[in-house]
PDB file of N, CA and C in Angstrom:
ATOM      1  N   UNK A   1      88.271  65.980  78.055  1.00  0.00           N
ATOM      2  CA  UNK A   1      89.006  64.748  77.796  1.00  0.00           C
ATOM      3  C   UNK A   1      88.550  63.692  78.804  1.00  0.00           C
ATOM      4  N   UNK A   2      88.307  62.488  78.305  1.00  0.00           N
ATOM      5  CA  UNK A   2      87.942  61.376  79.173  1.00  0.00           C
ATOM      6  C   UNK A   2      89.042  60.307  79.120  1.00  0.00           C
ATOM      7  N   UNK A   3      89.132  59.530  80.180  1.00  0.00           N
ATOM      8  CA  UNK A   3      90.064  58.407  80.244  1.00  0.00           C
ATOM      9  C   UNK A   3      89.232  57.129  80.193  1.00  0.00           C
ATOM     10  N   UNK A   4      89.660  56.175  79.378  1.00  0.00           N
ATOM     11  CA  UNK A   4      88.948  54.912  79.249  1.00  0.00           C
ATOM     12  C   UNK A   4      89.936  53.771  79.431  1.00  0.00           C
ATOM     13  N   UNK A   5      89.486  52.725  80.091  1.00  0.00           N
ATOM     14  CA  UNK A   5      90.308  51.528  80.259  1.00  0.00           C
ATOM     15  C   UNK A   5      89.423  50.304  80.063  1.00  0.00           C
ATOM     16  N   UNK A   6      90.033  49.257  79.517  1.00  0.00           N
ATOM     17  CA  UNK A   6      89.303  48.014  79.316  1.00  0.00           C
ATOM     18  C   UNK A   6      90.285  46.851  79.317  1.00  0.00           C
ATOM     19  N   UNK A   7      89.738  45.662  79.448  1.00  0.00           N
ATOM     20  CA  UNK A   7      90.543  44.454  79.323  1.00  0.00           C
ATOM     21  C   UNK A   7      90.000  43.625  78.168  1.00  0.00           C
ATOM     22  N   UNK A   8      90.915  42.946  77.490  1.00  0.00           N
ATOM     23  CA  UNK A   8      90.599  42.047  76.388  1.00  0.00           C
ATOM     24  C   UNK A   8      91.482  40.814  76.581  1.00  0.00           C
ATOM     25  N   UNK A   9      91.324  39.842  75.704  1.00  0.00           N
ATOM     26  CA  UNK A   9      92.046  38.588  75.898  1.00  0.00           C
ATOM     27  C   UNK A   9      92.647  38.094  74.581  1.00  0.00           C
ATOM     28  N   UNK A  10      93.945  37.866  74.598  1.00  0.00           N
ATOM     29  CA  UNK A  10      94.662  37.343  73.430  1.00  0.00           C
ATOM     30  C   UNK A  10      94.956  35.864  73.691  1.00  0.00           C
ATOM     31  N   UNK A  11      95.000  35.063  72.641  1.00  0.00           N
ATOM     32  CA  UNK A  11      95.307  33.640  72.812  1.00  0.00           C
ATOM     33  C   UNK A  11      96.760  33.477  73.235  1.00  0.00           C
ATOM     34  N   UNK A  12      96.987  32.538  74.156  1.00  0.00           N
ATOM     35  CA  UNK A  12      98.309  32.326  74.767  1.00  0.00           C
ATOM     36  C   UNK A  12      99.429  32.164  73.737  1.00  0.00           C
ATOM     37  N   UNK A  13      99.169  31.504  72.645  1.00  0.00           N
ATOM     38  CA  UNK A  13     100.224  31.256  71.657  1.00  0.00           C
ATOM     39  C   UNK A  13     100.323  32.374  70.616  1.00  0.00           C
ATOM     40  N   UNK A  14      99.626  33.487  70.832  1.00  0.00           N
ATOM     41  CA  UNK A  14      99.592  34.575  69.853  1.00  0.00           C
ATOM     42  C   UNK A  14     100.148  35.895  70.385  1.00  0.00           C
ATOM     43  N   UNK A  15     100.842  35.870  71.508  1.00  0.00           N
ATOM     44  CA  UNK A  15     101.385  37.108  72.090  1.00  0.00           C
ATOM     45  C   UNK A  15     102.266  37.857  71.097  1.00  0.00           C
ATOM     46  N   UNK A  16     103.210  37.154  70.495  1.00  0.00           N
ATOM     47  CA  UNK A  16     104.140  37.802  69.563  1.00  0.00           C
ATOM     48  C   UNK A  16     103.406  38.344  68.343  1.00  0.00           C
ATOM     49  N   UNK A  17     102.464  37.584  67.838  1.00  0.00           N
ATOM     50  CA  UNK A  17     101.693  38.018  66.668  1.00  0.00           C
ATOM     51  C   UNK A  17     100.872  39.267  66.995  1.00  0.00           C
ATOM     52  N   UNK A  18     100.275  39.302  68.182  1.00  0.00           N
ATOM     53  CA  UNK A  18      99.499  40.468  68.593  1.00  0.00           C
ATOM     54  C   UNK A  18     100.388  41.711  68.609  1.00  0.00           C
ATOM     55  N   UNK A  19     101.562  41.593  69.220  1.00  0.00           N
ATOM     56  CA  UNK A  19     102.480  42.728  69.269  1.00  0.00           C
ATOM     57  C   UNK A  19     102.927  43.143  67.876  1.00  0.00           C
ATOM     58  N   UNK A  20     103.274  42.173  67.045  1.00  0.00           N
ATOM     59  CA  UNK A  20     103.739  42.476  65.687  1.00  0.00           C
ATOM     60  C   UNK A  20     102.666  43.227  64.897  1.00  0.00           C
ATOM     61  N   UNK A  21     101.431  42.797  64.995  1.00  0.00           N
ATOM     62  CA  UNK A  21     100.362  43.481  64.252  1.00  0.00           C
ATOM     63  C   UNK A  21     100.188  44.919  64.729  1.00  0.00           C
ATOM     64  N   UNK A  22     100.349  45.152  66.020  1.00  0.00           N
ATOM     65  CA  UNK A  22     100.233  46.524  66.518  1.00  0.00           C
ATOM     66  C   UNK A  22     101.477  47.355  66.205  1.00  0.00           C
ATOM     67  N   UNK A  23     102.632  46.717  66.147  1.00  0.00           N
ATOM     68  CA  UNK A  23     103.845  47.427  65.723  1.00  0.00           C
ATOM     69  C   UNK A  23     103.720  47.905  64.280  1.00  0.00           C
ATOM     70  N   UNK A  24     102.878  47.207  63.518  1.00  0.00           N
ATOM     71  CA  UNK A  24     102.661  47.549  62.110  1.00  0.00           C
ATOM     72  C   UNK A  24     101.223  48.059  61.902  1.00  0.00           C
ATOM     73  N   UNK A  25     100.737  48.818  62.868  1.00  0.00           N
ATOM     74  CA  UNK A  25      99.373  49.352  62.804  1.00  0.00           C
ATOM     75  C   UNK A  25      99.149  50.054  61.470  1.00  0.00           C
ATOM     76  N   UNK A  26      98.033  49.741  60.825  1.00  0.00           N
ATOM     77  CA  UNK A  26      97.710  50.375  59.553  1.00  0.00           C
ATOM     78  C   UNK A  26      97.622  51.885  59.723  1.00  0.00           C
ATOM     79  N   UNK A  27      98.229  52.644  58.832  1.00  0.00           N
ATOM     80  CA  UNK A  27      98.135  54.109  58.920  1.00  0.00           C
ATOM     81  C   UNK A  27      96.689  54.599  58.934  1.00  0.00           C
ATOM     82  N   UNK A  28      95.811  53.935  58.186  1.00  0.00           N
ATOM     83  CA  UNK A  28      94.420  54.369  58.154  1.00  0.00           C
ATOM     84  C   UNK A  28      93.703  54.083  59.475  1.00  0.00           C
ATOM     85  N   UNK A  29      94.132  53.057  60.223  1.00  0.00           N
ATOM     86  CA  UNK A  29      93.558  52.801  61.544  1.00  0.00           C
ATOM     87  C   UNK A  29      94.015  53.880  62.522  1.00  0.00           C
ATOM     88  N   UNK A  30      95.298  54.220  62.462  1.00  0.00           N
ATOM     89  CA  UNK A  30      95.811  55.296  63.308  1.00  0.00           C
ATOM     90  C   UNK A  30      95.063  56.605  63.002  1.00  0.00           C
ATOM     91  N   UNK A  31      94.843  56.870  61.733  1.00  0.00           N
ATOM     92  CA  UNK A  31      94.145  58.092  61.329  1.00  0.00           C
ATOM     93  C   UNK A  31      92.718  58.129  61.880  1.00  0.00           C
ATOM     94  N   UNK A  32      92.010  57.009  61.800  1.00  0.00           N
ATOM     95  CA  UNK A  32      90.643  56.945  62.325  1.00  0.00           C
ATOM     96  C   UNK A  32      90.633  57.216  63.832  1.00  0.00           C
ATOM     97  N   UNK A  33      91.562  56.625  64.549  1.00  0.00           N
ATOM     98  CA  UNK A  33      91.629  56.853  65.991  1.00  0.00           C
ATOM     99  C   UNK A  33      91.833  58.341  66.292  1.00  0.00           C
ATOM    100  N   UNK A  34      92.794  58.935  65.628  1.00  0.00           N
ATOM    101  CA  UNK A  34      93.087  60.351  65.877  1.00  0.00           C
ATOM    102  C   UNK A  34      91.936  61.250  65.443  1.00  0.00           C
ATOM    103  N   UNK A  35      91.299  60.931  64.300  1.00  0.00           N
ATOM    104  CA  UNK A  35      90.161  61.726  63.835  1.00  0.00           C
ATOM    105  C   UNK A  35      88.993  61.672  64.813  1.00  0.00           C
ATOM    106  N   UNK A  36      88.925  60.596  65.584  1.00  0.00           N
ATOM    107  CA  UNK A  36      87.848  60.445  66.552  1.00  0.00           C
ATOM    108  C   UNK A  36      88.288  60.838  67.967  1.00  0.00           C
ATOM    109  N   UNK A  37      89.368  61.606  68.048  1.00  0.00           N
ATOM    110  CA  UNK A  37      89.771  62.208  69.316  1.00  0.00           C
ATOM    111  C   UNK A  37      90.533  61.331  70.272  1.00  0.00           C
ATOM    112  N   UNK A  38      91.117  60.230  69.791  1.00  0.00           N
ATOM    113  CA  UNK A  38      91.864  59.325  70.665  1.00  0.00           C
ATOM    114  C   UNK A  38      93.329  59.751  70.729  1.00  0.00           C
ATOM    115  N   UNK A  39      93.868  59.741  71.930  1.00  0.00           N
ATOM    116  CA  UNK A  39      95.290  60.010  72.139  1.00  0.00           C
ATOM    117  C   UNK A  39      95.773  59.192  73.331  1.00  0.00           C
ATOM    118  N   UNK A  40      97.061  59.184  73.525  1.00  0.00           N
ATOM    119  CA  UNK A  40      97.664  58.521  74.684  1.00  0.00           C
ATOM    120  C   UNK A  40      97.121  57.096  74.857  1.00  0.00           C
ATOM    121  N   UNK A  41      97.180  56.327  73.783  1.00  0.00           N
ATOM    122  CA  UNK A  41      96.613  54.977  73.756  1.00  0.00           C
ATOM    123  C   UNK A  41      97.720  53.965  74.013  1.00  0.00           C
ATOM    124  N   UNK A  42      97.540  53.125  75.018  1.00  0.00           N
ATOM    125  CA  UNK A  42      98.495  52.065  75.339  1.00  0.00           C
ATOM    126  C   UNK A  42      97.745  50.764  75.587  1.00  0.00           C
ATOM    127  N   UNK A  43      98.388  49.659  75.223  1.00  0.00           N
ATOM    128  CA  UNK A  43      97.854  48.334  75.542  1.00  0.00           C
ATOM    129  C   UNK A  43      98.976  47.551  76.212  1.00  0.00           C
ATOM    130  N   UNK A  44      98.661  46.951  77.344  1.00  0.00           N
ATOM    131  CA  UNK A  44      99.634  46.176  78.122  1.00  0.00           C
ATOM    132  C   UNK A  44      99.176  44.717  78.160  1.00  0.00           C
ATOM    133  N   UNK A  45     100.127  43.789  78.190  1.00  0.00           N
ATOM    134  CA  UNK A  45      99.832  42.365  78.254  1.00  0.00           C
ATOM    135  C   UNK A  45     100.244  41.801  79.603  1.00  0.00           C
ATOM    136  N   UNK A  46      99.314  41.111  80.258  1.00  0.00           N
ATOM    137  CA  UNK A  46      99.614  40.344  81.466  1.00  0.00           C
ATOM    138  C   UNK A  46      99.707  38.883  81.023  1.00  0.00           C
ATOM    139  N   UNK A  47     100.927  38.413  80.800  1.00  0.00           N
ATOM    140  CA  UNK A  47     101.143  37.109  80.188  1.00  0.00           C
ATOM    141  C   UNK A  47     100.533  35.938  80.958  1.00  0.00           C
ATOM    142  N   UNK A  48     100.608  35.891  82.295  1.00  0.00           N
ATOM    143  CA  UNK A  48     100.050  34.717  82.982  1.00  0.00           C
ATOM    144  C   UNK A  48      98.562  34.476  82.707  1.00  0.00           C
ATOM    145  N   UNK A  49      97.813  35.530  82.437  1.00  0.00           N
ATOM    146  CA  UNK A  49      96.369  35.394  82.205  1.00  0.00           C
ATOM    147  C   UNK A  49      95.973  35.668  80.757  1.00  0.00           C
ATOM    148  N   UNK A  50      96.929  36.060  79.927  1.00  0.00           N
ATOM    149  CA  UNK A  50      96.672  36.440  78.529  1.00  0.00           C
ATOM    150  C   UNK A  50      95.711  37.626  78.445  1.00  0.00           C
ATOM    151  N   UNK A  51      95.701  38.430  79.487  1.00  0.00           N
ATOM    152  CA  UNK A  51      94.822  39.594  79.539  1.00  0.00           C
ATOM    153  C   UNK A  51      95.544  40.821  78.999  1.00  0.00           C
ATOM    154  N   UNK A  52      94.845  41.548  78.156  1.00  0.00           N
ATOM    155  CA  UNK A  52      95.329  42.822  77.640  1.00  0.00           C
ATOM    156  C   UNK A  52      94.632  43.935  78.415  1.00  0.00           C
ATOM    157  N   UNK A  53      95.392  44.898  78.875  1.00  0.00           N
ATOM    158  CA  UNK A  53      94.829  46.067  79.544  1.00  0.00           C
ATOM    159  C   UNK A  53      95.039  47.253  78.615  1.00  0.00           C
ATOM    160  N   UNK A  54      93.951  47.859  78.187  1.00  0.00           N
ATOM    161  CA  UNK A  54      94.030  48.994  77.266  1.00  0.00           C
ATOM    162  C   UNK A  54      93.632  50.273  77.989  1.00  0.00           C
ATOM    163  N   UNK A  55      94.397  51.331  77.721  1.00  0.00           N
ATOM    164  CA  UNK A  55      94.115  52.650  78.286  1.00  0.00           C
ATOM    165  C   UNK A  55      94.206  53.667  77.160  1.00  0.00           C
ATOM    166  N   UNK A  56      93.255  54.578  77.132  1.00  0.00           N
ATOM    167  CA  UNK A  56      93.313  55.659  76.152  1.00  0.00           C
ATOM    168  C   UNK A  56      92.617  56.888  76.703  1.00  0.00           C
ATOM    169  N   UNK A  57      92.913  57.996  76.068  1.00  0.00           N
ATOM    170  CA  UNK A  57      92.214  59.238  76.355  1.00  0.00           C
ATOM    171  C   UNK A  57      91.467  59.619  75.091  1.00  0.00           C
ATOM    172  N   UNK A  58      90.263  60.155  75.261  1.00  0.00           N
ATOM    173  CA  UNK A  58      89.435  60.519  74.116  1.00  0.00           C
ATOM    174  C   UNK A  58      88.742  61.843  74.392  1.00  0.00           C
ATOM    175  N   UNK A  59      88.413  62.532  73.307  1.00  0.00           N
ATOM    176  CA  UNK A  59      87.733  63.822  73.439  1.00  0.00           C
ATOM    177  C   UNK A  59      86.348  63.667  74.040  1.00  0.00           C
ATOM    178  N   UNK A  60      85.620  62.604  73.658  1.00  0.00           N
ATOM    179  CA  UNK A  60      84.275  62.386  74.195  1.00  0.00           C
ATOM    180  C   UNK A  60      83.871  60.930  73.998  1.00  0.00           C
ATOM    181  N   UNK A  61      82.914  60.483  74.792  1.00  0.00           N
ATOM    182  CA  UNK A  61      82.364  59.132  74.647  1.00  0.00           C
ATOM    183  C   UNK A  61      81.730  58.961  73.271  1.00  0.00           C
ATOM    184  N   UNK A  62      81.034  60.000  72.811  1.00  0.00           N
ATOM    185  CA  UNK A  62      80.312  59.929  71.549  1.00  0.00           C
ATOM    186  C   UNK A  62      81.266  59.729  70.378  1.00  0.00           C
ATOM    187  N   UNK A  63      82.325  60.546  70.321  1.00  0.00           N
ATOM    188  CA  UNK A  63      83.293  60.403  69.225  1.00  0.00           C
ATOM    189  C   UNK A  63      83.981  59.044  69.295  1.00  0.00           C
ATOM    190  N   UNK A  64      84.331  58.618  70.490  1.00  0.00           N
ATOM    191  CA  UNK A  64      84.989  57.334  70.652  1.00  0.00           C
ATOM    192  C   UNK A  64      84.080  56.201  70.183  1.00  0.00           C
ATOM    193  N   UNK A  65      82.818  56.241  70.528  1.00  0.00           N
ATOM    194  CA  UNK A  65      81.873  55.186  70.147  1.00  0.00           C
ATOM    195  C   UNK A  65      81.719  55.076  68.634  1.00  0.00           C
ATOM    196  N   UNK A  66      81.874  56.178  67.923  1.00  0.00           N
ATOM    197  CA  UNK A  66      81.700  56.168  66.466  1.00  0.00           C
ATOM    198  C   UNK A  66      82.839  55.453  65.733  1.00  0.00           C
ATOM    199  N   UNK A  67      83.957  55.199  66.401  1.00  0.00           N
ATOM    200  CA  UNK A  67      85.063  54.473  65.773  1.00  0.00           C
ATOM    201  C   UNK A  67      84.578  53.110  65.292  1.00  0.00           C
ATOM    202  N   UNK A  68      83.782  52.435  66.104  1.00  0.00           N
ATOM    203  CA  UNK A  68      83.306  51.090  65.775  1.00  0.00           C
ATOM    204  C   UNK A  68      82.483  51.057  64.495  1.00  0.00           C
ATOM    205  N   UNK A  69      81.936  52.176  64.098  1.00  0.00           N
ATOM    206  CA  UNK A  69      81.096  52.247  62.899  1.00  0.00           C
ATOM    207  C   UNK A  69      81.912  52.395  61.613  1.00  0.00           C
ATOM    208  N   UNK A  70      83.207  52.664  61.744  1.00  0.00           N
ATOM    209  CA  UNK A  70      84.013  52.911  60.549  1.00  0.00           C
ATOM    210  C   UNK A  70      84.397  51.603  59.857  1.00  0.00           C
ATOM    211  N   UNK A  71      84.534  51.675  58.557  1.00  0.00           N
ATOM    212  CA  UNK A  71      84.932  50.518  57.762  1.00  0.00           C
ATOM    213  C   UNK A  71      86.324  50.045  58.171  1.00  0.00           C
ATOM    214  N   UNK A  72      87.217  50.968  58.451  1.00  0.00           N
ATOM    215  CA  UNK A  72      88.583  50.611  58.829  1.00  0.00           C
ATOM    216  C   UNK A  72      88.599  49.833  60.138  1.00  0.00           C
ATOM    217  N   UNK A  73      87.849  50.274  61.112  1.00  0.00           N
ATOM    218  CA  UNK A  73      87.797  49.575  62.397  1.00  0.00           C
ATOM    219  C   UNK A  73      87.226  48.177  62.224  1.00  0.00           C
ATOM    220  N   UNK A  74      86.187  48.045  61.440  1.00  0.00           N
ATOM    221  CA  UNK A  74      85.593  46.725  61.233  1.00  0.00           C
ATOM    222  C   UNK A  74      86.550  45.791  60.499  1.00  0.00           C
ATOM    223  N   UNK A  75      87.340  46.326  59.566  1.00  0.00           N
ATOM    224  CA  UNK A  75      88.378  45.515  58.911  1.00  0.00           C
ATOM    225  C   UNK A  75      89.449  45.093  59.907  1.00  0.00           C
ATOM    226  N   UNK A  76      89.844  46.030  60.801  1.00  0.00           N
ATOM    227  CA  UNK A  76      90.859  45.717  61.822  1.00  0.00           C
ATOM    228  C   UNK A  76      90.361  44.596  62.730  1.00  0.00           C
ATOM    229  N   UNK A  77      89.103  44.689  63.152  1.00  0.00           N
ATOM    230  CA  UNK A  77      88.544  43.627  63.999  1.00  0.00           C
ATOM    231  C   UNK A  77      88.613  42.279  63.298  1.00  0.00           C
ATOM    232  N   UNK A  78      88.235  42.246  62.033  1.00  0.00           N
ATOM    233  CA  UNK A  78      88.272  40.991  61.283  1.00  0.00           C
ATOM    234  C   UNK A  78      89.707  40.462  61.176  1.00  0.00           C
ATOM    235  N   UNK A  79      90.652  41.372  60.995  1.00  0.00           N
ATOM    236  CA  UNK A  79      92.073  41.019  60.904  1.00  0.00           C
ATOM    237  C   UNK A  79      92.581  40.426  62.216  1.00  0.00           C
ATOM    238  N   UNK A  80      92.074  40.891  63.340  1.00  0.00           N
ATOM    239  CA  UNK A  80      92.549  40.463  64.647  1.00  0.00           C
ATOM    240  C   UNK A  80      91.802  39.259  65.214  1.00  0.00           C
ATOM    241  N   UNK A  81      90.677  38.901  64.650  1.00  0.00           N
ATOM    242  CA  UNK A  81      89.813  37.887  65.249  1.00  0.00           C
ATOM    243  C   UNK A  81      90.451  36.499  65.377  1.00  0.00           C
ATOM    244  N   UNK A  82      91.484  36.208  64.613  1.00  0.00           N
ATOM    245  CA  UNK A  82      92.106  34.888  64.707  1.00  0.00           C
ATOM    246  C   UNK A  82      93.123  34.773  65.843  1.00  0.00           C
ATOM    247  N   UNK A  83      93.431  35.877  66.510  1.00  0.00           N
ATOM    248  CA  UNK A  83      94.451  35.805  67.567  1.00  0.00           C
ATOM    249  C   UNK A  83      93.931  36.247  68.940  1.00  0.00           C
ATOM    250  N   UNK A  84      92.643  36.590  69.021  1.00  0.00           N
ATOM    251  CA  UNK A  84      92.099  37.020  70.310  1.00  0.00           C
ATOM    252  C   UNK A  84      90.627  36.651  70.416  1.00  0.00           C
ATOM    253  N   UNK A  85      90.113  36.691  71.623  1.00  0.00           N
ATOM    254  CA  UNK A  85      88.699  36.403  71.835  1.00  0.00           C
ATOM    255  C   UNK A  85      87.860  37.524  71.216  1.00  0.00           C
ATOM    256  N   UNK A  86      86.878  37.134  70.409  1.00  0.00           N
ATOM    257  CA  UNK A  86      86.042  38.123  69.738  1.00  0.00           C
ATOM    258  C   UNK A  86      84.564  37.763  69.850  1.00  0.00           C
ATOM    259  N   UNK A  87      83.744  38.764  69.604  1.00  0.00           N
ATOM    260  CA  UNK A  87      82.298  38.613  69.547  1.00  0.00           C
ATOM    261  C   UNK A  87      81.902  38.194  68.131  1.00  0.00           C
ATOM    262  N   UNK A  88      80.628  37.826  67.907  1.00  0.00           N
ATOM    263  CA  UNK A  88      80.183  37.428  66.569  1.00  0.00           C
ATOM    264  C   UNK A  88      80.454  38.477  65.476  1.00  0.00           C
ATOM    265  N   UNK A  89      80.478  39.765  65.831  1.00  0.00           N
ATOM    266  CA  UNK A  89      80.765  40.813  64.827  1.00  0.00           C
ATOM    267  C   UNK A  89      82.256  41.057  64.664  1.00  0.00           C
ATOM    268  N   UNK A  90      83.086  40.206  65.253  1.00  0.00           N
ATOM    269  CA  UNK A  90      84.552  40.264  65.233  1.00  0.00           C
ATOM    270  C   UNK A  90      85.135  41.314  66.179  1.00  0.00           C
ATOM    271  N   UNK A  91      84.313  42.110  66.842  1.00  0.00           N
ATOM    272  CA  UNK A  91      84.851  43.058  67.823  1.00  0.00           C
ATOM    273  C   UNK A  91      85.483  42.264  68.958  1.00  0.00           C
ATOM    274  N   UNK A  92      86.524  42.810  69.582  1.00  0.00           N
ATOM    275  CA  UNK A  92      87.152  42.067  70.672  1.00  0.00           C
ATOM    276  C   UNK A  92      86.222  41.943  71.875  1.00  0.00           C
ATOM    277  N   UNK A  93      86.276  40.787  72.511  1.00  0.00           N
ATOM    278  CA  UNK A  93      85.601  40.654  73.793  1.00  0.00           C
ATOM    279  C   UNK A  93      86.299  41.649  74.714  1.00  0.00           C
ATOM    280  N   UNK A  94      85.556  42.570  75.256  1.00  0.00           N
ATOM    281  CA  UNK A  94      86.141  43.677  76.011  1.00  0.00           C
ATOM    282  C   UNK A  94      85.273  43.989  77.225  1.00  0.00           C
ATOM    283  N   UNK A  95      85.925  44.207  78.339  1.00  0.00           N
ATOM    284  CA  UNK A  95      85.232  44.578  79.564  1.00  0.00           C
ATOM    285  C   UNK A  95      85.772  45.924  80.024  1.00  0.00           C
ATOM    286  N   UNK A  96      84.875  46.842  80.303  1.00  0.00           N
ATOM    287  CA  UNK A  96      85.280  48.157  80.791  1.00  0.00           C
ATOM    288  C   UNK A  96      85.852  48.027  82.196  1.00  0.00           C
ATOM    289  N   UNK A  97      86.910  48.754  82.459  1.00  0.00           N
ATOM    290  CA  UNK A  97      87.521  48.796  83.780  1.00  0.00           C
ATOM    291  C   UNK A  97      87.186  50.152  84.396  1.00  0.00           C
ATOM    292  N   UNK A  98      86.640  50.127  85.577  1.00  0.00           N
ATOM    293  CA  UNK A  98      86.204  51.337  86.267  1.00  0.00           C
ATOM    294  C   UNK A  98      87.394  52.031  86.934  1.00  0.00           C
ATOM    295  N   UNK A  99      87.520  53.321  86.693  1.00  0.00           N
ATOM    296  CA  UNK A  99      88.576  54.093  87.341  1.00  0.00           C
ATOM    297  C   UNK A  99      88.229  54.314  88.807  1.00  0.00           C
ATOM    298  N   UNK A 100      89.160  53.999  89.695  1.00  0.00           N
ATOM    299  CA  UNK A 100      88.938  54.209  91.124  1.00  0.00           C
ATOM    300  C   UNK A 100      89.963  55.156  91.736  1.00  0.00           C
ATOM    301  N   UNK A 101      90.976  55.548  90.940  1.00  0.00           N
ATOM    302  CA  UNK A 101      91.981  56.489  91.431  1.00  0.00           C
ATOM    303  C   UNK A 101      92.653  57.134  90.234  1.00  0.00           C
ATOM    304  N   UNK A 102      92.961  58.417  90.382  1.00  0.00           N
ATOM    305  CA  UNK A 102      93.710  59.148  89.350  1.00  0.00           C
ATOM    306  C   UNK A 102      94.552  60.220  90.032  1.00  0.00           C
ATOM    307  N   UNK A 103      95.799  60.343  89.623  1.00  0.00           N
ATOM    308  CA  UNK A 103      96.691  61.370  90.124  1.00  0.00           C
ATOM    309  C   UNK A 103      97.226  62.145  88.947  1.00  0.00           C
ATOM    310  N   UNK A 104      97.019  63.435  88.926  1.00  0.00           N
ATOM    311  CA  UNK A 104      97.570  64.290  87.862  1.00  0.00           C
ATOM    312  C   UNK A 104      98.998  64.655  88.190  1.00  0.00           C
TER     313      UNK A 104
END
């Protein structure tokens, strides 16, 4: 099991919309995440900076990377692109956060 963390950015006036869309996560998106070994997934919002901090656990880097190739994930990215910073392929602008401490 690996732990992954990243930061993304939501538009200041879209905080509520971002939360609402995740509260109503598509069942097929949840299924894709679980099929690709993702568990213990949380996203936190730091309102002053509009920064999202995402944390998840995954079975492997390889399985996790394959999520982006799925049709469901690409649809989700397109669905979210109007409320957050995205790349030309609609994937969220995301920066990996390096783990410097862990306590079991």
